Amino acid sequence: MSLFVLVLLVGMASAVWAGAHEEIAKLREQYTRAFNEGNLELMGALFADDATRFAPPDPFRAEGKAAILAQFAGTFQANPTRRMVARHGSIQVYGDSTAVYTGYVRVTLVDRAGRVTNVNNRFSLTFAKLGGKWLAVHHHASRLPAP
């Protein structure tokens, strides 16, 4: 009987981990979709109210959802055409309330004058389960060094 309980508990733990893993992967897809569409409402739904963000070209940390969305709004306004493609993503889940998604993105920006800029970044998104919902509490992006 105790072996049965152990197998059941291990199976339940695996299911919880798999569920969190899938949820975080969907949130990352939502992030990419929100960026590509320029959808601030969809982007805002990803972040906790007190989230922080480091991202180029801004030299300082954005503190709070409003500041983060202001960064995105500036990018969207300056670059009406943009495309983000994520690659080599990795999800690490810690317990039942913390997860980190790391990876690389290729971002293509086209400004209002039609100038194209391609940027290769690495990133991390840290999520916490708050009030039963996964929210990004910190986002860090930085440009990859030139080869």
Protein backbone atom coordinates (compact mmCIF):
# COMPACT_ATOMS: atom_id res chain seq x y z
CA MET A 1 0.00 0.00 0.00
CA SER A 2 2.80 2.49 0.81
CA LEU A 3 4.42 1.85 -2.59
CA PHE A 4 1.09 2.70 -4.22
CA VAL A 5 0.89 5.98 -2.27
CA LEU A 6 4.49 6.86 -3.23
CA VAL A 7 3.80 6.20 -6.92
CA LEU A 8 0.60 8.25 -6.69
CA LEU A 9 2.41 11.18 -5.06
CA VAL A 10 5.25 11.12 -7.59
CA GLY A 11 2.70 11.06 -10.40
CA MET A 12 0.82 14.00 -8.90
CA ALA A 13 4.04 16.01 -8.54
CA SER A 14 4.92 15.32 -12.17
CA ALA A 15 1.47 16.46 -13.25
CA VAL A 16 1.82 19.71 -11.29
CA TRP A 17 5.24 20.36 -12.83
CA ALA A 18 3.98 19.56 -16.33
CA GLY A 19 1.00 21.86 -15.80
CA ALA A 20 3.20 24.76 -14.68
CA HIS A 21 5.60 24.11 -17.55
CA GLU A 22 2.75 24.26 -20.09
CA GLU A 23 1.26 27.38 -18.50
CA ILE A 24 4.60 29.22 -18.63
CA ALA A 25 5.14 28.18 -22.25
CA LYS A 26 1.71 29.61 -23.14
CA LEU A 27 2.54 32.86 -21.36
CA ARG A 28 5.74 33.16 -23.39
CA GLU A 29 3.71 32.65 -26.57
CA GLN A 30 1.31 35.36 -25.37
CA TYR A 31 4.29 37.71 -24.81
CA THR A 32 5.49 37.17 -28.39
CA ARG A 33 1.98 37.62 -29.79
CA ALA A 34 1.43 40.82 -27.77
CA PHE A 35 4.76 42.24 -28.97
CA ASN A 36 4.18 41.36 -32.61
CA GLU A 37 0.64 42.77 -32.55
CA GLY A 38 1.57 45.84 -30.50
CA ASN A 39 -1.13 44.85 -28.03
CA LEU A 40 -0.49 46.66 -24.73
CA GLU A 41 -3.57 45.17 -23.06
CA LEU A 42 -2.42 41.62 -23.77
CA MET A 43 1.14 42.51 -22.70
CA GLY A 44 -0.11 44.12 -19.49
CA ALA A 45 -2.03 40.98 -18.54
CA LEU A 46 1.31 39.15 -18.26
CA PHE A 47 2.92 41.38 -15.63
CA ALA A 48 2.40 41.79 -11.90
CA ASP A 49 1.62 45.35 -10.79
CA ASP A 50 5.03 45.62 -9.09
CA ALA A 51 7.06 43.88 -11.81
CA THR A 52 10.45 45.19 -12.93
CA ARG A 53 12.21 45.12 -16.29
CA PHE A 54 15.68 45.75 -17.71
CA ALA A 55 15.67 46.01 -21.51
CA PRO A 56 17.55 47.83 -24.24
CA PRO A 57 17.67 50.57 -25.24
CA ASP A 58 16.52 51.89 -21.84
CA PRO A 59 19.50 52.32 -19.51
CA PHE A 60 17.52 51.98 -16.28
CA ARG A 61 15.13 49.52 -14.69
CA ALA A 62 11.41 50.04 -15.29
CA GLU A 63 9.57 49.67 -12.00
CA GLY A 64 5.92 48.69 -12.06
CA LYS A 65 3.55 47.54 -14.77
CA ALA A 66 2.77 51.10 -15.92
CA ALA A 67 6.47 51.86 -16.52
CA ILE A 68 6.96 48.56 -18.34
CA LEU A 69 3.98 49.22 -20.58
CA ALA A 70 5.29 52.74 -21.28
CA GLN A 71 8.53 51.15 -22.55
CA PHE A 72 6.57 48.85 -24.85
CA ALA A 73 4.31 51.72 -26.00
CA GLY A 74 7.38 53.72 -27.02
CA THR A 75 8.76 50.78 -28.98
CA PHE A 76 5.41 50.12 -30.67
CA GLN A 77 4.91 53.78 -31.57
CA ALA A 78 8.43 54.22 -32.97
CA ASN A 79 8.32 50.90 -34.85
CA PRO A 80 4.88 50.26 -36.32
CA THR A 81 6.18 47.07 -37.91
CA ARG A 82 7.97 44.62 -35.67
CA ARG A 83 8.54 40.90 -35.45
CA MET A 84 9.89 38.83 -32.58
CA VAL A 85 10.90 35.21 -32.99
CA ALA A 86 11.86 33.29 -29.85
CA ARG A 87 14.26 30.35 -29.95
CA HIS A 88 16.05 27.94 -27.64
CA GLY A 89 13.64 28.52 -24.77
CA SER A 90 14.09 26.77 -21.45
CA ILE A 91 11.64 26.64 -18.56
CA GLN A 92 12.66 25.90 -14.97
CA VAL A 93 9.93 25.44 -12.37
CA TYR A 94 10.73 25.78 -8.67
CA GLY A 95 8.10 24.41 -6.34
CA ASP A 96 4.58 25.42 -7.17
CA SER A 97 4.97 29.20 -7.26
CA THR A 98 8.14 30.21 -9.16
CA ALA A 99 9.28 29.67 -12.73
CA VAL A 100 12.00 31.11 -14.96
CA TYR A 101 11.85 31.16 -18.75
CA THR A 102 15.14 31.90 -20.53
CA GLY A 103 15.96 32.01 -24.20
CA TYR A 104 16.94 34.06 -27.19
CA VAL A 105 14.93 36.29 -29.51
CA ARG A 106 15.49 37.84 -32.89
CA VAL A 107 13.66 41.15 -33.10
CA THR A 108 13.12 42.97 -36.38
CA LEU A 109 11.98 46.58 -36.04
CA VAL A 110 10.85 48.83 -38.89
CA ASP A 111 10.59 52.48 -37.91
CA ARG A 112 8.24 55.08 -39.40
CA ALA A 113 10.87 56.04 -42.02
CA GLY A 114 11.11 52.41 -43.16
CA ARG A 115 14.54 51.76 -41.63
CA VAL A 116 14.99 48.13 -40.58
CA THR A 117 16.87 47.14 -37.44
CA ASN A 118 17.57 43.53 -36.49
CA VAL A 119 18.46 42.80 -32.89
CA ASN A 120 19.50 39.53 -31.27
CA ASN A 121 18.74 39.42 -27.54
CA ARG A 122 18.93 36.95 -24.71
CA PHE A 123 16.24 37.19 -22.06
CA SER A 124 14.84 35.86 -18.85
CA LEU A 125 11.28 36.12 -17.59
CA THR A 126 10.71 35.28 -13.95
CA PHE A 127 7.17 34.28 -13.04
CA ALA A 128 5.49 33.95 -9.65
CA LYS A 129 2.11 32.40 -8.97
CA LEU A 130 0.18 35.22 -7.32
CA GLY A 131 -3.44 34.76 -6.32
CA GLY A 132 -3.52 31.49 -8.28
CA LYS A 133 -2.28 33.15 -11.50
CA TRP A 134 1.18 33.08 -13.08
CA LEU A 135 2.48 36.63 -13.58
CA ALA A 136 5.83 37.96 -14.75
CA VAL A 137 7.56 39.65 -11.82
CA HIS A 138 10.82 40.43 -13.62
CA HIS A 139 11.96 40.58 -17.23
CA HIS A 140 15.56 41.03 -18.31
CA ALA A 141 16.69 41.38 -21.91
CA SER A 142 20.13 42.24 -23.21
CA ARG A 143 21.74 42.29 -26.60
CA LEU A 144 23.96 39.39 -27.56
CA PRO A 145 27.59 40.39 -27.93
CA ALA A 146 28.86 40.75 -31.48
CA PRO A 147 30.64 37.62 -32.74
